[in-house]
């Protein structure tokens, strides 16, 4: 798989991208020449691929629309699979206020769903409210 990460028009080449299938990491890579060359290992054609990266110290899902098929190439160096991180920053207004477990509804201010209480200091959204997580001294 050849991936180009974008933030609007800006290219992002400072992340590590990993592919997960059924909760298992099947491959990870860093940028090389502005592109991410990702080899996804294993068997199990027909399963969903979840691409993740780490942003501001938190692991976030950046794409979950692909299906794993053995020996198939997705993207090329001249026509990469583009993931726009800027497009992920929508949906923050759709935070559910009645989360049953109360701890999985955490979002960054950039609109990335974290899925658990953050461990890094910063400002987050929890149940539609801004929450400040302070550094423990």
N, C-alpha and C. Protein backbone atom coordinates (compact mmCIF):
# COMPACT_ATOMS: atom_id res chain seq x y z
N UNK A 1 0.85 -1.16 0.00
CA UNK A 1 0.00 0.00 0.00
C UNK A 1 0.90 1.23 0.00
N UNK A 2 0.54 2.22 -0.81
CA UNK A 2 1.28 3.48 -0.84
C UNK A 2 0.31 4.58 -0.42
N UNK A 3 0.65 5.26 0.67
CA UNK A 3 -0.24 6.23 1.29
C UNK A 3 0.40 7.61 1.29
N UNK A 4 -0.40 8.64 1.03
CA UNK A 4 0.00 10.03 1.21
C UNK A 4 -0.89 10.61 2.29
N UNK A 5 -0.30 11.06 3.39
CA UNK A 5 -1.07 11.75 4.44
C UNK A 5 -1.04 13.23 4.15
N UNK A 6 -2.21 13.85 4.23
CA UNK A 6 -2.34 15.28 3.99
C UNK A 6 -3.04 15.92 5.17
N UNK A 7 -2.79 17.18 5.36
CA UNK A 7 -3.53 18.02 6.29
C UNK A 7 -4.00 19.20 5.46
N UNK A 8 -5.14 19.02 4.78
CA UNK A 8 -5.57 19.99 3.78
C UNK A 8 -4.66 19.85 2.57
N UNK A 9 -3.98 20.92 2.20
CA UNK A 9 -3.03 20.88 1.08
C UNK A 9 -1.63 20.48 1.52
N UNK A 10 -1.37 20.55 2.82
CA UNK A 10 -0.04 20.27 3.38
C UNK A 10 0.21 18.77 3.47
N UNK A 11 1.39 18.33 3.03
CA UNK A 11 1.78 16.93 3.15
C UNK A 11 2.28 16.66 4.57
N UNK A 12 1.93 15.50 5.12
CA UNK A 12 2.34 15.11 6.47
C UNK A 12 3.27 13.91 6.34
N UNK A 13 4.53 14.08 6.78
CA UNK A 13 5.49 12.98 6.65
C UNK A 13 6.21 12.69 7.97
N UNK A 14 5.57 13.03 9.08
CA UNK A 14 6.20 12.86 10.39
C UNK A 14 5.53 11.80 11.24
N UNK A 15 4.62 11.05 10.67
CA UNK A 15 3.86 10.05 11.44
C UNK A 15 4.38 8.64 11.18
N UNK A 16 3.87 7.72 11.94
CA UNK A 16 4.01 6.30 11.66
C UNK A 16 2.60 5.80 11.41
N UNK A 17 2.42 5.03 10.33
CA UNK A 17 1.10 4.50 9.99
C UNK A 17 1.15 2.99 10.18
N UNK A 18 0.12 2.45 10.83
CA UNK A 18 0.04 1.01 11.08
C UNK A 18 -1.31 0.49 10.58
N UNK A 19 -1.30 -0.76 10.10
CA UNK A 19 -2.52 -1.42 9.64
C UNK A 19 -2.91 -2.49 10.64
N UNK A 20 -4.17 -2.46 11.07
CA UNK A 20 -4.70 -3.44 12.00
C UNK A 20 -5.85 -4.19 11.34
N UNK A 21 -5.86 -5.50 11.55
CA UNK A 21 -6.96 -6.34 11.09
C UNK A 21 -7.38 -7.19 12.28
N UNK A 22 -8.62 -7.08 12.66
CA UNK A 22 -9.11 -7.82 13.82
C UNK A 22 -8.36 -7.49 15.09
N UNK A 23 -7.92 -6.24 15.24
CA UNK A 23 -7.19 -5.82 16.43
C UNK A 23 -5.72 -6.18 16.45
N UNK A 24 -5.23 -6.85 15.41
CA UNK A 24 -3.83 -7.27 15.33
C UNK A 24 -3.07 -6.38 14.35
N UNK A 25 -1.92 -5.87 14.78
CA UNK A 25 -1.09 -5.06 13.90
C UNK A 25 -0.48 -5.96 12.83
N UNK A 26 -0.74 -5.65 11.57
CA UNK A 26 -0.25 -6.45 10.45
C UNK A 26 0.87 -5.76 9.69
N UNK A 27 1.23 -4.54 10.08
CA UNK A 27 2.31 -3.83 9.41
C UNK A 27 2.33 -2.39 9.85
N UNK A 28 3.53 -1.79 9.82
CA UNK A 28 3.68 -0.38 10.19
C UNK A 28 4.83 0.21 9.39
N UNK A 29 4.78 1.52 9.16
CA UNK A 29 5.82 2.19 8.40
C UNK A 29 5.89 3.67 8.73
N UNK A 30 7.02 4.26 8.43
CA UNK A 30 7.22 5.71 8.51
C UNK A 30 7.35 6.23 7.09
N UNK A 31 7.25 7.53 6.92
CA UNK A 31 7.31 8.14 5.59
C UNK A 31 8.70 7.98 4.99
N UNK A 32 8.71 7.80 3.68
CA UNK A 32 9.94 7.72 2.90
C UNK A 32 9.70 8.57 1.66
N UNK A 33 10.37 9.72 1.59
CA UNK A 33 10.17 10.61 0.46
C UNK A 33 8.77 11.19 0.40
N UNK A 34 8.14 11.36 1.57
CA UNK A 34 6.81 11.95 1.63
C UNK A 34 5.68 10.95 1.50
N UNK A 35 5.99 9.68 1.22
CA UNK A 35 4.97 8.65 1.09
C UNK A 35 5.19 7.55 2.12
N UNK A 36 4.12 6.87 2.46
CA UNK A 36 4.16 5.75 3.41
C UNK A 36 3.99 4.46 2.62
N UNK A 37 5.02 3.63 2.59
CA UNK A 37 4.97 2.34 1.90
C UNK A 37 4.68 1.27 2.94
N UNK A 38 3.46 0.75 2.93
CA UNK A 38 2.99 -0.14 3.98
C UNK A 38 2.73 -1.54 3.42
N UNK A 39 3.39 -2.52 3.99
CA UNK A 39 3.14 -3.91 3.64
C UNK A 39 2.26 -4.50 4.73
N UNK A 40 1.11 -5.02 4.33
CA UNK A 40 0.15 -5.60 5.26
C UNK A 40 0.25 -7.11 5.14
N UNK A 41 0.74 -7.75 6.19
CA UNK A 41 1.01 -9.19 6.16
C UNK A 41 -0.18 -9.99 6.64
N UNK A 42 -0.18 -11.28 6.28
CA UNK A 42 -1.14 -12.21 6.84
C UNK A 42 -2.17 -12.72 5.88
N UNK A 43 -3.12 -13.42 6.45
CA UNK A 43 -4.22 -14.02 5.70
C UNK A 43 -5.53 -13.41 6.18
N UNK A 44 -6.62 -13.85 5.59
CA UNK A 44 -7.93 -13.38 6.03
C UNK A 44 -8.57 -12.39 5.09
N UNK A 45 -8.55 -12.67 3.80
CA UNK A 45 -9.20 -11.78 2.84
C UNK A 45 -10.64 -11.53 3.24
N UNK A 46 -11.09 -10.31 3.01
CA UNK A 46 -12.46 -9.93 3.31
C UNK A 46 -12.63 -9.23 4.64
N UNK A 47 -11.56 -9.12 5.43
CA UNK A 47 -11.65 -8.45 6.73
C UNK A 47 -11.37 -6.96 6.58
N UNK A 48 -11.92 -6.17 7.47
CA UNK A 48 -11.71 -4.72 7.44
C UNK A 48 -10.30 -4.37 7.88
N UNK A 49 -9.72 -3.39 7.21
CA UNK A 49 -8.41 -2.84 7.59
C UNK A 49 -8.66 -1.53 8.34
N UNK A 50 -7.97 -1.39 9.45
CA UNK A 50 -8.03 -0.15 10.21
C UNK A 50 -6.64 0.46 10.20
N UNK A 51 -6.50 1.63 9.58
CA UNK A 51 -5.22 2.33 9.55
C UNK A 51 -5.19 3.30 10.73
N UNK A 52 -4.09 3.25 11.48
CA UNK A 52 -3.95 4.09 12.67
C UNK A 52 -2.64 4.86 12.62
N UNK A 53 -2.61 5.98 13.34
CA UNK A 53 -1.39 6.74 13.55
C UNK A 53 -1.45 7.36 14.93
N UNK A 54 -0.38 7.97 15.34
CA UNK A 54 -0.30 8.63 16.64
C UNK A 54 -0.25 10.13 16.42
N UNK A 55 -1.22 10.84 16.99
CA UNK A 55 -1.27 12.30 16.87
C UNK A 55 -1.37 12.86 18.28
N UNK A 56 -0.45 13.76 18.60
CA UNK A 56 -0.41 14.39 19.93
C UNK A 56 -0.37 13.35 21.04
N UNK A 57 0.37 12.26 20.82
CA UNK A 57 0.54 11.23 21.84
C UNK A 57 -0.60 10.24 21.95
N UNK A 58 -1.60 10.35 21.09
CA UNK A 58 -2.76 9.46 21.14
C UNK A 58 -2.88 8.69 19.83
N UNK A 59 -3.16 7.40 19.92
CA UNK A 59 -3.37 6.57 18.74
C UNK A 59 -4.78 6.80 18.24
N UNK A 60 -4.89 7.14 16.95
CA UNK A 60 -6.20 7.42 16.36
C UNK A 60 -6.37 6.63 15.06
N UNK A 61 -7.60 6.28 14.75
CA UNK A 61 -7.93 5.62 13.49
C UNK A 61 -8.04 6.70 12.43
N UNK A 62 -7.27 6.55 11.34
CA UNK A 62 -7.31 7.54 10.28
C UNK A 62 -8.07 7.05 9.05
N UNK A 63 -8.33 5.74 8.98
CA UNK A 63 -9.11 5.20 7.87
C UNK A 63 -9.58 3.80 8.26
N UNK A 64 -10.84 3.52 8.01
CA UNK A 64 -11.36 2.17 8.25
C UNK A 64 -12.32 1.76 7.15
N UNK A 65 -12.04 2.22 5.93
CA UNK A 65 -12.94 1.99 4.81
C UNK A 65 -12.46 0.88 3.87
N UNK A 66 -11.29 0.32 4.13
CA UNK A 66 -10.70 -0.67 3.21
C UNK A 66 -10.95 -2.09 3.68
N UNK A 67 -10.91 -3.01 2.72
CA UNK A 67 -11.04 -4.44 2.99
C UNK A 67 -9.75 -5.12 2.57
N UNK A 68 -9.25 -6.01 3.43
CA UNK A 68 -8.00 -6.73 3.15
C UNK A 68 -8.24 -7.80 2.09
N UNK A 69 -7.40 -7.78 1.06
CA UNK A 69 -7.39 -8.80 0.02
C UNK A 69 -5.92 -9.14 -0.23
N UNK A 70 -5.58 -10.43 -0.15
CA UNK A 70 -4.20 -10.87 -0.35
C UNK A 70 -3.69 -10.46 -1.72
N UNK A 71 -2.43 -10.05 -1.77
CA UNK A 71 -1.71 -9.74 -3.01
C UNK A 71 -2.35 -8.64 -3.85
N UNK A 72 -2.95 -7.66 -3.20
CA UNK A 72 -3.53 -6.52 -3.92
C UNK A 72 -2.77 -5.26 -3.51
N UNK A 73 -2.48 -4.42 -4.49
CA UNK A 73 -1.82 -3.15 -4.24
C UNK A 73 -2.86 -2.05 -4.15
N UNK A 74 -2.73 -1.22 -3.15
CA UNK A 74 -3.59 -0.04 -3.01
C UNK A 74 -2.68 1.17 -3.08
N UNK A 75 -2.85 1.98 -4.10
CA UNK A 75 -2.02 3.15 -4.32
C UNK A 75 -0.71 2.80 -4.98
N UNK A 76 -0.13 3.79 -5.61
CA UNK A 76 1.17 3.67 -6.27
C UNK A 76 1.96 4.93 -5.94
N UNK A 77 3.27 4.94 -6.19
CA UNK A 77 4.03 6.15 -5.92
C UNK A 77 3.54 7.37 -6.72
N UNK A 78 3.00 7.17 -7.89
CA UNK A 78 2.52 8.26 -8.72
C UNK A 78 1.03 8.54 -8.52
N UNK A 79 0.32 7.62 -7.85
CA UNK A 79 -1.09 7.80 -7.54
C UNK A 79 -1.38 7.16 -6.18
N UNK A 80 -0.88 7.77 -5.09
CA UNK A 80 -1.03 7.15 -3.77
C UNK A 80 -2.45 7.22 -3.25
N UNK A 81 -2.72 6.37 -2.27
CA UNK A 81 -3.99 6.40 -1.53
C UNK A 81 -3.89 7.58 -0.57
N UNK A 82 -4.73 8.59 -0.74
CA UNK A 82 -4.62 9.83 0.02
C UNK A 82 -5.58 9.79 1.21
N UNK A 83 -5.03 10.09 2.38
CA UNK A 83 -5.83 10.24 3.60
C UNK A 83 -5.64 11.68 4.07
N UNK A 84 -6.73 12.44 4.08
CA UNK A 84 -6.68 13.83 4.50
C UNK A 84 -7.08 13.93 5.97
N UNK A 85 -6.12 14.19 6.83
CA UNK A 85 -6.38 14.31 8.26
C UNK A 85 -7.32 15.47 8.56
N UNK A 86 -7.31 16.48 7.71
CA UNK A 86 -8.19 17.63 7.88
C UNK A 86 -9.66 17.23 7.75
N UNK A 87 -9.98 16.28 6.89
CA UNK A 87 -11.36 15.82 6.72
C UNK A 87 -11.86 15.07 7.94
N UNK A 88 -10.94 14.49 8.71
CA UNK A 88 -11.32 13.75 9.92
C UNK A 88 -11.78 14.67 11.04
N UNK A 89 -11.52 15.93 10.91
CA UNK A 89 -11.81 16.87 12.00
C UNK A 89 -13.25 17.33 12.00
N UNK A 90 -14.10 16.65 11.31
CA UNK A 90 -15.52 16.95 11.37
C UNK A 90 -16.18 15.95 12.30
N UNK A 91 -17.40 16.20 12.68
CA UNK A 91 -18.12 15.25 13.52
C UNK A 91 -18.02 15.52 15.00
N UNK A 92 -17.26 16.50 15.40
CA UNK A 92 -17.11 16.74 16.83
C UNK A 92 -18.45 17.16 17.45
N UNK A 93 -19.34 17.72 16.64
CA UNK A 93 -20.64 18.13 17.16
C UNK A 93 -21.59 16.96 17.33
N UNK A 94 -21.21 15.77 16.88
CA UNK A 94 -22.09 14.61 17.00
C UNK A 94 -21.72 13.73 18.18
N UNK A 95 -21.01 14.28 19.16
CA UNK A 95 -20.64 13.50 20.34
C UNK A 95 -21.91 13.12 21.10
N UNK A 96 -22.05 11.84 21.41
CA UNK A 96 -23.21 11.36 22.15
C UNK A 96 -23.05 11.69 23.62
N UNK A 97 -24.09 12.21 24.24
CA UNK A 97 -24.01 12.60 25.64
C UNK A 97 -24.45 11.48 26.58
N UNK A 98 -24.91 10.35 26.03
CA UNK A 98 -25.40 9.28 26.90
C UNK A 98 -24.54 8.02 26.80
N UNK A 99 -23.25 8.18 26.72
CA UNK A 99 -22.32 7.06 26.63
C UNK A 99 -22.44 6.19 27.87
N UNK A 100 -22.72 4.92 27.70
CA UNK A 100 -23.01 4.02 28.83
C UNK A 100 -21.82 3.85 29.77
N UNK A 101 -20.62 3.62 29.21
CA UNK A 101 -19.48 3.40 30.10
C UNK A 101 -18.82 4.70 30.53
N UNK A 102 -19.17 5.81 29.91
CA UNK A 102 -18.71 7.11 30.35
C UNK A 102 -17.26 7.42 30.09
N UNK A 103 -16.46 6.47 29.66
CA UNK A 103 -15.04 6.72 29.51
C UNK A 103 -14.55 6.57 28.07
N UNK A 104 -15.42 6.22 27.12
CA UNK A 104 -14.96 6.00 25.76
C UNK A 104 -15.27 7.17 24.84
N UNK A 105 -15.90 8.20 25.33
CA UNK A 105 -16.33 9.32 24.50
C UNK A 105 -15.40 10.51 24.67
N UNK A 106 -14.14 10.34 24.30
CA UNK A 106 -13.14 11.40 24.40
C UNK A 106 -12.68 11.78 23.00
N UNK A 107 -12.54 13.09 22.76
CA UNK A 107 -12.13 13.62 21.46
C UNK A 107 -11.04 14.67 21.67
N UNK A 108 -10.16 14.83 20.67
CA UNK A 108 -9.21 15.95 20.70
C UNK A 108 -9.93 17.18 20.17
N UNK A 109 -9.35 18.36 20.37
CA UNK A 109 -9.93 19.58 19.83
C UNK A 109 -9.87 19.60 18.30
N UNK A 110 -9.01 18.76 17.72
CA UNK A 110 -8.91 18.67 16.26
C UNK A 110 -9.98 17.75 15.68
N UNK A 111 -10.77 17.10 16.54
CA UNK A 111 -11.86 16.26 16.07
C UNK A 111 -11.54 14.79 15.96
N UNK A 112 -10.43 14.34 16.52
CA UNK A 112 -10.07 12.93 16.48
C UNK A 112 -10.65 12.22 17.70
N UNK A 113 -11.36 11.11 17.47
CA UNK A 113 -11.90 10.34 18.58
C UNK A 113 -10.78 9.53 19.20
N UNK A 114 -10.61 9.63 20.50
CA UNK A 114 -9.57 8.90 21.22
C UNK A 114 -10.11 7.57 21.70
N UNK A 115 -11.33 7.55 22.23
CA UNK A 115 -11.94 6.30 22.66
C UNK A 115 -11.66 5.91 24.10
N UNK A 116 -10.84 6.67 24.81
CA UNK A 116 -10.59 6.41 26.22
C UNK A 116 -10.07 7.70 26.86
N UNK A 117 -10.07 7.75 28.17
CA UNK A 117 -9.59 8.96 28.84
C UNK A 117 -8.13 9.19 28.47
N UNK A 118 -7.80 10.42 28.04
CA UNK A 118 -6.42 10.69 27.61
C UNK A 118 -5.43 10.62 28.76
N UNK A 119 -4.20 10.25 28.44
CA UNK A 119 -3.13 10.20 29.42
C UNK A 119 -2.19 11.39 29.30
N UNK A 120 -2.26 12.11 28.18
CA UNK A 120 -1.41 13.27 27.95
C UNK A 120 -2.12 14.54 28.40
N UNK A 121 -1.37 15.50 28.98
CA UNK A 121 -2.00 16.77 29.36
C UNK A 121 -2.52 17.50 28.13
N UNK A 122 -3.60 18.22 28.29
CA UNK A 122 -4.16 18.98 27.18
C UNK A 122 -5.64 19.25 27.38
N UNK A 123 -6.25 19.84 26.35
CA UNK A 123 -7.67 20.13 26.38
C UNK A 123 -8.37 19.14 25.46
N UNK A 124 -9.43 18.52 25.95
CA UNK A 124 -10.15 17.48 25.22
C UNK A 124 -11.65 17.75 25.30
N UNK A 125 -12.42 17.03 24.50
CA UNK A 125 -13.88 17.08 24.55
C UNK A 125 -14.36 15.76 25.13
N UNK A 126 -15.20 15.83 26.17
CA UNK A 126 -15.78 14.64 26.79
C UNK A 126 -17.25 14.92 27.03
N UNK A 127 -18.13 14.13 26.42
CA UNK A 127 -19.58 14.32 26.51
C UNK A 127 -19.98 15.74 26.13
N UNK A 128 -19.32 16.29 25.10
CA UNK A 128 -19.67 17.61 24.59
C UNK A 128 -19.11 18.77 25.39
N UNK A 129 -18.31 18.50 26.42
CA UNK A 129 -17.74 19.56 27.25
C UNK A 129 -16.22 19.57 27.12
N UNK A 130 -15.63 20.77 27.20
CA UNK A 130 -14.18 20.87 27.23
C UNK A 130 -13.67 20.41 28.58
N UNK A 131 -12.63 19.57 28.56
CA UNK A 131 -12.03 19.07 29.79
C UNK A 131 -10.53 19.29 29.70
N UNK A 132 -9.94 19.84 30.74
CA UNK A 132 -8.50 20.06 30.79
C UNK A 132 -7.87 18.93 31.60
N UNK A 133 -6.93 18.23 30.98
CA UNK A 133 -6.15 17.20 31.67
C UNK A 133 -4.81 17.85 32.02
N UNK A 134 -4.51 17.93 33.31
CA UNK A 134 -3.27 18.58 33.75
C UNK A 134 -2.18 17.56 33.99
N UNK A 135 -0.96 18.02 33.86
CA UNK A 135 0.21 17.20 34.12
C UNK A 135 0.30 16.91 35.62
N UNK A 136 0.51 15.65 35.97
CA UNK A 136 0.65 15.27 37.37
C UNK A 136 2.08 15.54 37.79
N UNK A 137 2.24 16.28 38.91
CA UNK A 137 3.59 16.63 39.37
C UNK A 137 4.04 15.68 40.43
